[in-house]
Amino acid sequence: MSTTALTLNDVSMIYPDGDSEIKALDSVSMEVAAGEFVAVTGPSGSGKSTLLAVAGLLQQPTRGTIEIGGVDVGSLRAKDRTTVRRDEIGFVFQQSNLIGSLTALEQLQIVAHLRGEKPSDATDRAKEILDRVGLRDAAGRRPHQLSGGQRQRVGIARALMNTPTLLLVDEPTSALDKERGAAILDLLGEVTHERGVATVMVTHDVEHLGSVDRVFGMDDGVLTVHDTDRGLQPA
């Protein structure tokens, strides 16, 4: 039986707006199991990025609870939330945000260095992950020597270096053509299922979701779940 890796329970994010308020997230609840790949789609400004920020412990919600690996992270001290974010969460950004002076291998090694790992252990794992994402022969290349799709693969590999419980992915195909974008989504599905990580991806790309296990929609901060027979229904 799959374990629940991420739980959002009645999570809201509310911002004051003059005499009124804006609900970036409106009573959002969802569960994502280990080894499950879910996508959240919706227009710009719908709350998708806020959902990732809250799930990734980058923002504290106005109300509601968040559990990662069964731990109520909202009850933790700020220092402990930082540790959870470092050790349990991997981020894949819209732009790969690679360090220009580092090789693909070094992009991964620095993640392990920040956790105090031995260089030899980190190097072996980094090479294995680069091999898994199809970049064995590109380990010594710097970002300017890589294609857009290869840079995004390095970003995925880097996010996997801390063996995360939760992988949060922000618009990974926005800078890629359709073929490379589809390949990235296929790769995300494969590594999610193989490594047992829970992956939440926000995306505008609704054409290539064949690797996704479940699809949610978001509009005006309200999360809905896609039912193939009835369309989007309240989550």
Protein backbone atom coordinates (compact mmCIF):
# COMPACT_ATOMS: atom_id res chain seq x y z
CA MET A 1 0.00 0.00 0.00
CA SER A 2 1.34 3.44 -0.93
CA THR A 3 2.01 5.85 1.89
CA THR A 4 0.81 9.43 1.81
CA ALA A 5 3.77 11.75 1.21
CA LEU A 6 1.95 15.09 1.08
CA THR A 7 -1.27 16.15 2.75
CA LEU A 8 -2.84 19.59 2.49
CA ASN A 9 -5.87 19.96 4.75
CA ASP A 10 -8.15 22.99 4.32
CA VAL A 11 -5.24 25.24 3.37
CA SER A 12 -5.95 28.89 2.60
CA MET A 13 -3.65 31.77 1.73
CA ILE A 14 -5.33 35.14 2.14
CA TYR A 15 -3.85 38.55 1.37
CA PRO A 16 -5.37 41.91 2.37
CA ASP A 17 -6.42 44.09 -0.57
CA GLY A 18 -7.60 47.47 0.72
CA ASP A 19 -10.96 46.95 2.35
CA SER A 20 -11.27 43.43 0.95
CA GLU A 21 -9.04 40.37 0.64
CA ILE A 22 -7.64 38.07 -2.01
CA LYS A 23 -7.80 34.31 -1.53
CA ALA A 24 -4.79 32.95 -3.41
CA LEU A 25 -5.71 29.52 -1.99
CA ASP A 26 -9.26 28.82 -0.86
CA SER A 27 -9.65 25.83 1.49
CA VAL A 28 -7.42 23.55 -0.57
CA SER A 29 -7.23 19.88 0.42
CA MET A 30 -5.27 17.18 -1.38
CA GLU A 31 -3.27 14.04 -0.72
CA VAL A 32 -0.41 12.76 -2.86
CA ALA A 33 0.98 9.28 -2.34
CA ALA A 34 4.59 8.21 -2.57
CA GLY A 35 5.27 7.26 -6.19
CA GLU A 36 2.35 9.32 -7.53
CA PHE A 37 2.68 11.99 -10.22
CA VAL A 38 -0.01 14.67 -10.15
CA ALA A 39 -0.45 17.79 -12.28
CA VAL A 40 -2.22 21.02 -11.39
CA THR A 41 -3.38 23.06 -14.37
CA GLY A 42 -5.02 26.45 -14.58
CA PRO A 43 -4.62 29.98 -15.92
CA SER A 44 -2.00 32.46 -14.72
CA GLY A 45 -3.00 33.94 -11.38
CA SER A 46 -5.16 30.98 -10.44
CA GLY A 47 -3.07 30.06 -7.37
CA LYS A 48 -0.85 27.32 -8.82
CA SER A 49 2.44 28.96 -7.86
CA THR A 50 1.11 29.76 -4.38
CA LEU A 51 0.20 26.09 -3.98
CA LEU A 52 3.80 25.08 -4.73
CA ALA A 53 5.19 27.75 -2.42
CA VAL A 54 3.02 26.58 0.45
CA ALA A 55 3.69 22.88 -0.16
CA GLY A 56 7.40 23.65 -0.43
CA LEU A 57 7.41 25.51 2.93
CA LEU A 58 8.42 28.75 1.24
CA GLN A 59 5.28 30.44 2.57
CA GLN A 60 3.19 29.86 5.66
CA PRO A 61 -0.53 29.50 4.89
CA THR A 62 -3.09 31.71 6.58
CA ARG A 63 -4.83 28.61 7.89
CA GLY A 64 -4.85 24.86 7.38
CA THR A 65 -2.28 22.11 7.92
CA ILE A 66 0.48 20.61 5.80
CA GLU A 67 2.00 17.21 6.37
CA ILE A 68 5.09 15.86 4.61
CA GLY A 69 5.86 12.22 5.24
CA GLY A 70 3.25 12.22 8.00
CA VAL A 71 4.85 15.13 9.86
CA ASP A 72 2.80 18.26 10.56
CA VAL A 73 5.38 20.74 9.29
CA GLY A 74 3.32 23.77 10.32
CA SER A 75 3.98 22.94 13.96
CA LEU A 76 7.76 22.92 13.49
CA ARG A 77 10.15 25.73 14.36
CA ALA A 78 11.47 27.79 11.45
CA LYS A 79 14.88 26.08 11.69
CA ASP A 80 13.28 22.64 11.51
CA ARG A 81 11.11 23.64 8.53
CA THR A 82 14.30 24.70 6.76
CA THR A 83 15.77 21.26 7.44
CA VAL A 84 12.66 19.56 6.04
CA ARG A 85 12.80 21.76 2.95
CA ARG A 86 16.46 20.90 2.41
CA ASP A 87 16.23 17.16 3.09
CA GLU A 88 12.70 16.16 2.09
CA ILE A 89 11.76 18.45 -0.82
CA GLY A 90 13.21 18.75 -4.31
CA PHE A 91 12.41 21.72 -6.52
CA VAL A 92 12.42 21.81 -10.34
CA PHE A 93 12.05 25.37 -11.55
CA GLN A 94 10.56 26.86 -14.70
CA GLN A 95 14.04 27.97 -15.68
CA SER A 96 16.77 25.49 -14.78
CA ASN A 97 18.64 28.11 -12.68
CA LEU A 98 21.95 26.29 -13.06
CA ILE A 99 25.19 27.87 -11.89
CA GLY A 100 27.02 28.94 -15.02
CA SER A 101 30.53 28.07 -13.82
CA LEU A 102 29.70 24.52 -12.70
CA THR A 103 29.54 21.35 -14.76
CA ALA A 104 26.44 19.17 -14.76
CA LEU A 105 28.12 16.84 -12.26
CA GLU A 106 29.12 19.72 -9.99
CA GLN A 107 25.56 21.09 -9.99
CA LEU A 108 24.55 17.89 -8.19
CA GLN A 109 27.62 17.59 -5.99
CA ILE A 110 27.04 21.01 -4.46
CA VAL A 111 23.60 19.88 -3.21
CA ALA A 112 25.22 17.02 -1.32
CA HIS A 113 28.01 19.29 -0.06
CA LEU A 114 25.42 21.55 1.57
CA ARG A 115 24.17 18.52 3.48
CA GLY A 116 27.67 17.65 4.69
CA GLU A 117 28.04 14.45 2.67
CA LYS A 118 31.36 12.85 1.78
CA PRO A 119 32.52 13.85 -1.73
CA SER A 120 33.03 10.24 -2.80
CA ASP A 121 29.50 9.22 -1.83
CA ALA A 122 28.02 12.30 -3.49
CA THR A 123 29.96 11.77 -6.72
CA ASP A 124 28.84 8.18 -7.13
CA ARG A 125 25.20 9.09 -6.58
CA ALA A 126 25.41 12.16 -8.81
CA LYS A 127 26.81 10.09 -11.67
CA GLU A 128 24.07 7.49 -11.21
CA ILE A 129 21.34 10.13 -11.32
CA LEU A 130 22.82 11.88 -14.36
CA ASP A 131 22.97 8.50 -16.08
CA ARG A 132 19.30 7.93 -15.21
CA VAL A 133 18.21 11.19 -16.82
CA GLY A 134 20.22 10.43 -19.95
CA LEU A 135 23.18 12.73 -19.32
CA ARG A 136 26.05 10.33 -18.66
CA ASP A 137 28.10 11.85 -21.48
CA ALA A 138 27.28 15.43 -20.46
CA ALA A 139 28.54 15.28 -16.87
CA GLY A 140 31.51 17.53 -17.66
CA ARG A 141 29.61 20.15 -19.61
CA ARG A 142 28.63 23.57 -18.32
CA PRO A 143 25.14 25.05 -18.84
CA HIS A 144 26.08 27.01 -21.99
CA GLN A 145 27.20 23.72 -23.56
CA LEU A 146 23.82 22.06 -22.98
CA SER A 147 20.54 22.29 -24.87
CA GLY A 148 17.41 23.60 -23.17
CA GLY A 149 16.12 20.08 -22.67
CA GLN A 150 19.45 18.93 -21.24
CA ARG A 151 19.53 21.85 -18.80
CA GLN A 152 16.05 20.92 -17.59
CA ARG A 153 17.21 17.32 -17.13
CA VAL A 154 20.11 18.55 -14.99
CA GLY A 155 17.56 20.50 -12.95
CA ILE A 156 15.54 17.34 -12.40
CA ALA A 157 18.66 15.38 -11.48
CA ARG A 158 19.71 18.08 -9.02
CA ALA A 159 16.29 17.95 -7.35
CA LEU A 160 16.69 14.19 -6.88
CA MET A 161 20.09 14.43 -5.19
CA ASN A 162 18.65 14.72 -1.67
CA THR A 163 16.42 11.66 -2.25
CA PRO A 164 13.32 13.76 -1.56
CA THR A 165 9.98 12.63 -0.25
CA LEU A 166 8.31 15.35 -2.32
CA LEU A 167 9.22 16.75 -5.74
CA LEU A 168 7.69 20.13 -6.68
CA VAL A 169 7.85 21.08 -10.35
CA ASP A 170 7.05 24.52 -11.75
CA GLU A 171 6.16 24.73 -15.46
CA PRO A 172 9.01 22.46 -16.62
CA THR A 173 8.12 22.62 -20.33
CA SER A 174 7.46 26.34 -20.74
CA ALA A 175 10.83 27.04 -22.41
CA LEU A 176 10.89 23.85 -24.51
CA ASP A 177 9.41 22.82 -27.84
CA LYS A 178 6.65 20.19 -27.85
CA GLU A 179 8.91 17.21 -28.47
CA ARG A 180 11.39 18.09 -25.74
CA GLY A 181 8.57 19.10 -23.41
CA ALA A 182 6.86 15.74 -23.84
CA ALA A 183 10.16 13.96 -23.17
CA ILE A 184 10.63 15.89 -19.91
CA LEU A 185 7.13 14.96 -18.70
CA ASP A 186 7.77 11.32 -19.58
CA LEU A 187 11.02 11.46 -17.61
CA LEU A 188 9.29 13.00 -14.60
CA GLY A 189 6.71 10.22 -14.65
CA GLU A 190 9.38 7.55 -14.87
CA VAL A 191 11.55 8.84 -12.01
CA THR A 192 8.48 9.45 -9.85
CA HIS A 193 7.36 5.86 -10.15
CA GLU A 194 10.84 4.32 -9.98
CA ARG A 195 12.03 6.28 -6.95
CA GLY A 196 8.77 6.43 -5.04
CA VAL A 197 8.79 10.21 -4.76
CA ALA A 198 5.52 12.16 -4.67
CA THR A 199 5.58 14.67 -7.53
CA VAL A 200 3.35 17.74 -7.82
CA MET A 201 3.70 19.68 -11.06
CA VAL A 202 1.99 22.90 -12.04
CA THR A 203 1.74 23.36 -15.80
CA HIS A 204 -0.03 25.06 -18.67
CA ASP A 205 0.84 22.09 -20.90
CA VAL A 206 -2.34 19.99 -21.09
CA GLU A 207 -1.36 18.18 -24.29
CA HIS A 208 1.24 15.82 -22.81
CA LEU A 209 -0.13 14.51 -19.54
CA GLY A 210 -0.04 10.83 -20.40
CA SER A 211 2.56 10.14 -17.70
CA VAL A 212 0.49 11.85 -14.98
CA ASP A 213 -1.52 9.74 -12.55
CA ARG A 214 -4.04 12.45 -11.61
CA VAL A 215 -4.89 15.90 -12.91
CA PHE A 216 -6.20 18.77 -10.79
CA GLY A 217 -7.46 22.13 -11.96
CA MET A 218 -7.15 25.41 -10.13
CA ASP A 219 -9.09 28.63 -10.61
CA ASP A 220 -9.35 31.58 -8.23
CA GLY A 221 -7.60 29.55 -5.54
CA VAL A 222 -10.08 26.68 -5.67
CA LEU A 223 -8.72 23.20 -6.39
CA THR A 224 -10.75 20.79 -8.48
CA VAL A 225 -10.03 17.21 -9.48
CA HIS A 226 -10.39 15.97 -13.04
CA ASP A 227 -12.90 13.18 -13.57
CA THR A 228 -12.68 11.70 -17.06
CA ASP A 229 -16.46 11.26 -17.20
CA ARG A 230 -17.61 14.47 -15.51
CA GLY A 231 -14.76 16.93 -16.04
CA LEU A 232 -13.43 19.01 -13.15
CA GLN A 233 -15.12 18.46 -9.80
CA PRO A 234 -14.37 19.93 -6.34
CA ALA A 235 -11.29 18.26 -4.84
